[in-house]
N, C-alpha and C. Protein backbone atom coordinates (compact mmCIF):
# COMPACT_ATOMS: atom_id res chain seq x y z
N MET A 1 -30.92 -1.15 -37.93
CA MET A 1 -30.97 -2.02 -37.02
C MET A 1 -32.76 -2.70 -36.60
N VAL A 2 -32.87 -3.84 -36.46
CA VAL A 2 -34.14 -4.17 -36.21
C VAL A 2 -34.96 -3.72 -34.71
N ASP A 3 -36.34 -4.06 -34.70
CA ASP A 3 -36.75 -4.02 -33.47
C ASP A 3 -37.72 -5.33 -33.05
N PHE A 4 -37.60 -5.75 -32.05
CA PHE A 4 -38.51 -6.89 -31.68
C PHE A 4 -39.50 -6.66 -30.14
N LYS A 5 -40.55 -7.20 -30.36
CA LYS A 5 -41.61 -7.30 -29.72
C LYS A 5 -41.53 -8.27 -28.93
N VAL A 6 -40.73 -8.45 -27.28
CA VAL A 6 -40.56 -9.31 -26.41
C VAL A 6 -41.70 -9.50 -25.60
N VAL A 7 -42.28 -10.75 -25.76
CA VAL A 7 -42.87 -11.02 -24.25
C VAL A 7 -42.52 -11.63 -23.39
N LEU A 8 -42.19 -11.16 -22.12
CA LEU A 8 -41.35 -11.69 -21.13
C LEU A 8 -42.38 -12.49 -20.04
N SER A 9 -42.39 -13.47 -19.69
CA SER A 9 -43.06 -14.06 -18.80
C SER A 9 -42.54 -14.60 -17.55
N ASP A 10 -43.14 -14.15 -16.26
CA ASP A 10 -42.82 -14.56 -15.06
C ASP A 10 -42.98 -15.75 -14.39
N PRO A 11 -42.69 -16.95 -14.47
CA PRO A 11 -43.32 -18.38 -13.96
C PRO A 11 -43.60 -17.98 -12.62
N LYS A 12 -43.10 -16.85 -11.65
CA LYS A 12 -43.12 -16.97 -10.25
C LYS A 12 -44.84 -16.33 -10.01
N THR A 13 -44.83 -15.37 -10.65
CA THR A 13 -46.06 -14.99 -10.54
C THR A 13 -47.26 -15.21 -11.47
N GLY A 14 -46.88 -15.91 -12.61
CA GLY A 14 -48.18 -15.85 -13.96
C GLY A 14 -48.15 -14.69 -14.79
N ARG A 15 -47.76 -13.67 -14.62
CA ARG A 15 -47.77 -12.47 -15.32
C ARG A 15 -46.89 -12.22 -16.51
N SER A 16 -47.48 -11.79 -17.71
CA SER A 16 -46.33 -11.26 -18.88
C SER A 16 -46.21 -9.80 -18.93
N TYR A 17 -45.22 -9.88 -19.55
CA TYR A 17 -44.97 -8.06 -19.83
C TYR A 17 -44.25 -8.12 -21.73
N LYS A 18 -44.91 -7.41 -22.03
CA LYS A 18 -44.39 -6.69 -23.18
C LYS A 18 -43.49 -5.57 -23.65
N MET A 19 -42.36 -5.56 -23.97
CA MET A 19 -41.92 -4.65 -24.13
C MET A 19 -40.94 -4.81 -25.63
N THR A 20 -40.71 -3.54 -26.17
CA THR A 20 -39.60 -3.44 -27.19
C THR A 20 -38.04 -3.43 -26.57
N ALA A 21 -37.27 -4.63 -28.02
CA ALA A 21 -36.05 -4.77 -27.98
C ALA A 21 -35.57 -4.03 -29.17
N SER A 22 -34.70 -2.77 -28.98
CA SER A 22 -34.19 -2.23 -30.57
C SER A 22 -32.85 -1.79 -30.12
N GLY A 23 -32.00 -1.52 -31.05
CA GLY A 23 -30.45 -1.23 -31.14
C GLY A 23 -29.85 -2.63 -30.56
N GLY A 24 -29.29 -1.73 -29.41
CA GLY A 24 -28.05 -3.23 -28.96
C GLY A 24 -28.99 -4.21 -28.38
N ALA A 25 -30.15 -4.03 -27.52
CA ALA A 25 -31.00 -5.11 -26.86
C ALA A 25 -31.38 -6.03 -27.86
N ALA A 26 -31.78 -5.84 -28.99
CA ALA A 26 -32.10 -6.23 -30.08
C ALA A 26 -31.07 -7.15 -30.65
N GLY A 27 -29.90 -6.62 -30.90
CA GLY A 27 -28.54 -7.61 -30.86
C GLY A 27 -28.30 -8.51 -30.32
N ALA A 28 -28.76 -8.55 -29.22
CA ALA A 28 -28.43 -9.28 -28.16
C ALA A 28 -29.37 -10.80 -28.14
N PHE A 29 -30.07 -10.65 -29.14
CA PHE A 29 -30.62 -11.89 -29.21
C PHE A 29 -30.66 -12.28 -30.61
N ILE A 30 -30.20 -11.87 -31.81
CA ILE A 30 -29.72 -12.03 -32.85
C ILE A 30 -28.58 -13.38 -33.11
N GLY A 31 -28.83 -14.47 -33.72
CA GLY A 31 -27.80 -15.26 -33.95
C GLY A 31 -28.30 -16.21 -32.38
N LYS A 32 -29.09 -16.17 -31.75
CA LYS A 32 -29.23 -16.96 -30.62
C LYS A 32 -30.13 -18.01 -30.99
N ARG A 33 -30.48 -19.37 -30.22
CA ARG A 33 -31.46 -20.27 -30.82
C ARG A 33 -32.90 -19.91 -29.84
N VAL A 34 -33.86 -20.60 -30.10
CA VAL A 34 -35.12 -21.23 -29.31
C VAL A 34 -34.66 -22.48 -28.68
N GLY A 35 -34.93 -21.86 -27.15
CA GLY A 35 -34.41 -22.97 -26.20
C GLY A 35 -33.02 -21.97 -24.92
N GLY A 36 -32.35 -20.95 -25.70
CA GLY A 36 -31.26 -20.74 -25.12
C GLY A 36 -31.46 -19.66 -24.45
N GLU A 37 -30.62 -19.26 -23.32
CA GLU A 37 -30.83 -18.34 -22.49
C GLU A 37 -29.81 -17.32 -23.03
N VAL A 38 -30.30 -15.76 -22.36
CA VAL A 38 -29.79 -14.57 -22.90
C VAL A 38 -29.60 -13.53 -21.82
N ASP A 39 -28.47 -13.06 -21.86
CA ASP A 39 -28.43 -11.91 -20.21
C ASP A 39 -29.58 -10.59 -20.65
N ALA A 40 -30.41 -10.18 -19.85
CA ALA A 40 -31.48 -9.49 -19.93
C ALA A 40 -30.94 -7.95 -19.55
N SER A 41 -29.78 -7.93 -19.23
CA SER A 41 -29.45 -6.60 -18.85
C SER A 41 -29.83 -5.63 -20.28
N PRO A 42 -29.68 -5.69 -21.50
CA PRO A 42 -29.76 -4.88 -22.38
C PRO A 42 -31.33 -4.70 -22.73
N LEU A 43 -32.03 -5.27 -21.93
CA LEU A 43 -33.38 -4.97 -21.72
C LEU A 43 -33.70 -4.51 -20.65
N GLY A 44 -32.62 -3.86 -19.77
CA GLY A 44 -33.21 -2.91 -18.92
C GLY A 44 -33.22 -3.62 -17.32
N LEU A 45 -33.07 -4.99 -17.66
CA LEU A 45 -33.22 -5.81 -16.31
C LEU A 45 -31.83 -6.60 -15.83
N PRO A 46 -31.62 -5.76 -14.85
CA PRO A 46 -29.93 -5.74 -14.47
C PRO A 46 -30.15 -7.25 -13.58
N GLY A 47 -29.56 -8.07 -13.57
CA GLY A 47 -29.55 -9.42 -13.11
C GLY A 47 -30.12 -10.41 -13.23
N TYR A 48 -30.89 -10.04 -14.38
CA TYR A 48 -31.72 -11.20 -14.71
C TYR A 48 -31.43 -12.08 -16.20
N ARG A 49 -31.67 -13.08 -16.32
CA ARG A 49 -31.41 -13.78 -17.05
C ARG A 49 -33.05 -14.48 -17.71
N VAL A 50 -33.01 -14.29 -19.51
CA VAL A 50 -34.35 -15.36 -19.47
C VAL A 50 -33.62 -16.36 -20.64
N ALA A 51 -34.85 -17.18 -20.89
CA ALA A 51 -34.75 -18.22 -21.92
C ALA A 51 -36.01 -17.95 -23.10
N ILE A 52 -35.05 -17.79 -24.46
CA ILE A 52 -36.04 -17.97 -25.29
C ILE A 52 -36.94 -19.31 -25.75
N THR A 53 -38.44 -18.82 -25.32
CA THR A 53 -38.87 -19.94 -25.79
C THR A 53 -39.88 -20.05 -27.21
N GLY A 54 -39.87 -19.07 -27.38
CA GLY A 54 -40.60 -19.06 -29.48
C GLY A 54 -40.26 -18.30 -30.09
N ALA A 55 -41.17 -17.85 -31.26
CA ALA A 55 -40.51 -16.62 -31.51
C ALA A 55 -41.55 -16.60 -33.14
N SER A 56 -41.68 -15.54 -33.76
CA SER A 56 -42.87 -15.94 -34.79
C SER A 56 -42.26 -14.28 -35.90
N ASP A 57 -42.47 -14.88 -37.28
CA ASP A 57 -42.30 -13.66 -37.83
C ASP A 57 -43.40 -12.78 -38.48
N ARG A 58 -42.88 -11.72 -39.45
CA ARG A 58 -44.06 -10.86 -39.67
C ARG A 58 -45.49 -11.56 -40.10
N ASN A 59 -45.12 -12.70 -40.38
CA ASN A 59 -46.63 -13.63 -41.34
C ASN A 59 -46.70 -13.97 -40.25
N GLY A 60 -46.31 -14.02 -38.90
CA GLY A 60 -46.86 -15.30 -38.02
C GLY A 60 -46.42 -16.77 -38.22
N THR A 61 -45.27 -16.96 -38.63
CA THR A 61 -44.80 -18.33 -39.25
C THR A 61 -43.79 -18.51 -37.88
N PRO A 62 -44.21 -19.72 -37.03
CA PRO A 62 -43.25 -19.87 -35.42
C PRO A 62 -42.39 -20.52 -36.14
N ALA A 63 -41.68 -20.42 -35.14
CA ALA A 63 -39.98 -20.97 -35.05
C ALA A 63 -40.57 -22.38 -34.25
N ARG A 64 -39.61 -23.58 -34.86
CA ARG A 64 -39.62 -24.61 -34.31
C ARG A 64 -38.31 -24.87 -33.59
N LYS A 65 -38.47 -25.09 -32.22
CA LYS A 65 -36.77 -25.49 -31.43
C LYS A 65 -35.96 -26.47 -32.15
N GLU A 66 -36.46 -27.95 -32.74
CA GLU A 66 -35.76 -29.10 -33.54
C GLU A 66 -35.35 -28.67 -34.86
N LEU A 67 -35.66 -27.12 -35.35
CA LEU A 67 -35.41 -27.37 -36.60
C LEU A 67 -33.83 -26.63 -36.54
N PRO A 68 -32.95 -27.04 -37.01
CA PRO A 68 -31.53 -26.14 -37.41
C PRO A 68 -31.83 -25.25 -38.61
N GLY A 69 -31.15 -24.36 -38.19
CA GLY A 69 -30.96 -23.20 -39.25
C GLY A 69 -31.89 -21.71 -39.06
N ALA A 70 -32.20 -20.78 -40.25
CA ALA A 70 -32.99 -19.83 -39.57
C ALA A 70 -34.10 -19.62 -40.91
N GLY A 71 -33.72 -20.07 -42.14
CA GLY A 71 -34.83 -20.06 -43.23
C GLY A 71 -36.53 -20.57 -42.55
N ARG A 72 -36.94 -20.12 -43.60
CA ARG A 72 -38.12 -20.83 -43.62
C ARG A 72 -38.54 -22.11 -44.46
N ARG A 73 -39.59 -22.94 -44.13
CA ARG A 73 -39.05 -24.11 -44.69
C ARG A 73 -40.86 -25.16 -44.69
N ARG A 74 -41.40 -25.62 -45.59
CA ARG A 74 -42.34 -26.50 -45.38
C ARG A 74 -42.39 -27.67 -45.25
N LEU A 75 -42.97 -28.31 -44.16
CA LEU A 75 -42.51 -29.28 -43.39
C LEU A 75 -43.92 -30.36 -43.23
N LEU A 76 -43.87 -31.45 -43.45
CA LEU A 76 -45.02 -32.29 -42.83
C LEU A 76 -45.11 -32.57 -41.41
N LEU A 77 -46.08 -31.98 -40.77
CA LEU A 77 -46.35 -32.11 -39.21
C LEU A 77 -47.38 -32.69 -39.06
N ALA A 78 -46.89 -33.51 -37.85
CA ALA A 78 -48.18 -34.22 -37.22
C ALA A 78 -48.99 -33.69 -35.67
N GLY A 79 -47.85 -32.65 -35.65
CA GLY A 79 -48.61 -31.82 -34.29
C GLY A 79 -46.89 -30.91 -33.60
N GLY A 80 -47.92 -30.57 -32.89
CA GLY A 80 -46.08 -29.39 -31.99
C GLY A 80 -46.62 -28.20 -32.36
N VAL A 81 -45.31 -27.15 -32.18
CA VAL A 81 -45.46 -25.58 -32.72
C VAL A 81 -45.47 -25.62 -34.71
N GLY A 82 -46.85 -24.83 -34.98
CA GLY A 82 -47.17 -24.62 -35.98
C GLY A 82 -48.59 -25.94 -36.84
N PHE A 83 -48.85 -26.81 -35.85
CA PHE A 83 -49.74 -27.37 -36.27
C PHE A 83 -50.70 -27.53 -35.38
N ASN A 84 -51.88 -28.15 -34.96
CA ASN A 84 -52.55 -28.40 -34.00
C ASN A 84 -53.46 -29.07 -34.85
N PRO A 85 -53.48 -30.78 -34.58
CA PRO A 85 -54.36 -31.46 -35.43
C PRO A 85 -55.76 -31.87 -34.80
N VAL A 86 -56.50 -32.33 -35.70
CA VAL A 86 -58.27 -31.98 -34.78
C VAL A 86 -58.18 -33.64 -34.93
N MET A 87 -57.99 -34.24 -35.80
CA MET A 87 -58.20 -35.57 -35.63
C MET A 87 -57.05 -37.01 -35.60
N ASP A 88 -56.97 -38.01 -34.64
CA ASP A 88 -55.77 -38.88 -34.21
C ASP A 88 -55.30 -39.37 -35.88
N GLY A 89 -54.06 -38.91 -36.16
CA GLY A 89 -53.39 -39.31 -37.27
C GLY A 89 -53.48 -38.18 -38.28
N GLN A 90 -53.86 -37.10 -38.06
CA GLN A 90 -53.98 -36.17 -38.81
C GLN A 90 -52.70 -35.40 -39.43
N ARG A 91 -52.06 -35.29 -40.36
CA ARG A 91 -50.88 -34.12 -41.39
C ARG A 91 -51.50 -33.28 -41.61
N ALA A 92 -50.42 -32.36 -41.71
CA ALA A 92 -50.51 -31.47 -42.49
C ALA A 92 -48.83 -30.95 -43.16
N ARG A 93 -48.98 -30.55 -44.40
CA ARG A 93 -47.91 -29.63 -44.69
C ARG A 93 -47.88 -28.15 -44.34
N LYS A 94 -46.83 -27.71 -43.18
CA LYS A 94 -46.89 -26.21 -42.59
C LYS A 94 -45.86 -25.53 -42.63
N ALA A 95 -45.98 -24.40 -43.01
CA ALA A 95 -44.68 -23.37 -42.70
C ALA A 95 -44.14 -23.15 -41.54
N VAL A 96 -43.09 -23.69 -41.45
CA VAL A 96 -42.49 -23.21 -39.69
C VAL A 96 -40.90 -22.54 -40.36
N ARG A 97 -40.34 -21.85 -39.33
CA ARG A 97 -39.37 -21.28 -39.47
C ARG A 97 -37.51 -21.89 -38.41
N GLY A 98 -37.11 -22.22 -38.91
CA GLY A 98 -35.82 -22.62 -38.28
C GLY A 98 -35.60 -21.87 -36.45
N SER A 99 -35.01 -22.58 -36.14
CA SER A 99 -34.82 -21.86 -34.35
C SER A 99 -34.21 -20.85 -34.00
N GLU A 100 -32.79 -20.24 -35.12
CA GLU A 100 -31.99 -19.28 -35.06
C GLU A 100 -32.61 -18.27 -35.34
N ILE A 101 -32.38 -17.56 -34.56
CA ILE A 101 -33.13 -15.55 -34.35
C ILE A 101 -32.85 -15.15 -35.29
N THR A 102 -32.82 -14.37 -36.19
CA THR A 102 -32.48 -13.13 -37.30
C THR A 102 -33.27 -12.18 -37.04
N GLN A 103 -32.85 -11.20 -38.08
CA GLN A 103 -33.66 -9.87 -38.16
C GLN A 103 -35.51 -10.31 -39.01
N ASP A 104 -35.19 -11.54 -39.19
CA ASP A 104 -36.78 -11.71 -39.98
C ASP A 104 -37.97 -11.78 -38.78
N PHE A 105 -37.65 -12.24 -37.78
CA PHE A 105 -38.36 -12.20 -36.69
C PHE A 105 -38.58 -10.73 -35.84
N VAL A 106 -40.09 -10.71 -35.73
CA VAL A 106 -40.83 -9.29 -35.26
C VAL A 106 -41.02 -9.35 -33.69
N GLN A 107 -41.27 -10.84 -33.50
CA GLN A 107 -41.90 -10.98 -31.97
C GLN A 107 -41.00 -12.75 -31.50
N ILE A 108 -40.78 -12.39 -30.16
CA ILE A 108 -39.55 -13.15 -29.78
C ILE A 108 -40.75 -13.87 -27.97
N ASN A 109 -40.59 -14.78 -27.78
CA ASN A 109 -40.99 -14.90 -26.49
C ASN A 109 -40.20 -15.88 -25.38
N ALA A 110 -40.34 -15.02 -24.25
CA ALA A 110 -39.32 -15.92 -23.18
C ALA A 110 -39.67 -15.99 -21.63
N LYS A 111 -39.01 -16.24 -21.51
CA LYS A 111 -39.08 -16.47 -19.85
C LYS A 111 -38.19 -16.37 -18.63
N VAL A 112 -38.49 -15.62 -17.59
CA VAL A 112 -37.42 -15.18 -16.69
C VAL A 112 -36.71 -16.76 -16.17
N THR A 113 -35.95 -16.97 -16.18
CA THR A 113 -34.98 -18.07 -15.42
C THR A 113 -34.09 -17.64 -14.14
N GLN A 114 -33.77 -16.69 -14.52
CA GLN A 114 -33.27 -15.98 -12.65
C GLN A 114 -33.02 -14.87 -12.92
N TYR A 115 -33.44 -14.58 -11.64
CA TYR A 115 -34.16 -13.16 -11.07
C TYR A 115 -32.93 -12.27 -10.75
N GLY A 116 -33.24 -10.67 -11.14
CA GLY A 116 -32.22 -9.95 -10.31
C GLY A 116 -32.89 -9.49 -8.66
N GLU A 117 -32.05 -8.02 -8.36
CA GLU A 117 -32.18 -7.89 -7.31
C GLU A 117 -34.09 -7.12 -7.09
N LYS A 118 -34.19 -6.48 -8.31
CA LYS A 118 -35.26 -5.58 -8.01
C LYS A 118 -36.39 -6.54 -8.42
N ALA A 119 -37.69 -6.43 -8.26
CA ALA A 119 -39.00 -7.27 -9.11
C ALA A 119 -39.01 -6.71 -10.51
N LEU A 120 -39.80 -7.74 -10.90
CA LEU A 120 -40.40 -7.34 -12.51
C LEU A 120 -41.19 -5.95 -12.29
N ASP A 121 -42.53 -5.94 -11.27
CA ASP A 121 -43.00 -5.32 -11.02
C ASP A 121 -42.73 -3.98 -11.36
N ASP A 122 -41.37 -3.34 -10.57
CA ASP A 122 -40.43 -2.39 -10.29
C ASP A 122 -39.89 -1.64 -11.46
N LEU A 123 -39.50 -3.20 -12.15
CA LEU A 123 -38.92 -2.53 -13.20
C LEU A 123 -39.59 -2.21 -14.52
N LEU A 124 -40.89 -2.82 -14.49
CA LEU A 124 -41.57 -2.94 -16.12
C LEU A 124 -42.63 -1.95 -15.63
N ALA A 125 -43.10 -1.33 -14.71
CA ALA A 125 -44.37 -0.81 -14.41
C ALA A 125 -44.67 -0.32 -15.13
N ALA A 126 -46.21 -0.33 -15.92
CA ALA A 126 -46.82 0.42 -16.58
C ALA A 126 -46.99 2.14 -15.94
N PRO A 127 -46.63 3.06 -16.83
CA PRO A 127 -47.25 4.74 -16.12
C PRO A 127 -48.32 4.42 -15.66
N ALA A 128 -48.59 5.10 -14.56
CA ALA A 128 -49.98 5.19 -14.04
C ALA A 128 -50.76 6.39 -14.38
N ALA A 129 -51.88 6.77 -15.03
CA ALA A 129 -53.14 6.83 -15.96
C ALA A 129 -53.10 8.07 -14.55
N ALA A 130 -52.77 9.35 -15.17
CA ALA A 130 -53.21 10.76 -14.66
C ALA A 130 -54.78 10.38 -14.86
N GLU A 131 -55.16 11.06 -13.64
CA GLU A 131 -56.87 11.23 -13.10
C GLU A 131 -57.13 13.01 -13.02
């Protein structure tokens, strides 16, 4: 199976948490789309739901929400995900991926949309350094 790095953002506090999803937790993301919601129980967050806000593959190629499918394509872009123009009217041909999550992705960005009973800090607390 594949492993994903999941960067989870908490809109209430403004903090983000980095975690690894492997096995069944990674399988929960396969086939979903950018913009879709997923139950976060496989990630160890019971009662939470997260929305996928973006993703990138091993080369750093970003996924665009409005692009159907899963493959990589070279599109003429004038802005948005994958290209930030410097001048007005500037366009460039850039490689971007479709919005469907596959095993080719390495990182998935997500944000919390529904909170569980326990706080994220309690569930995802980093282990205290030994003094």
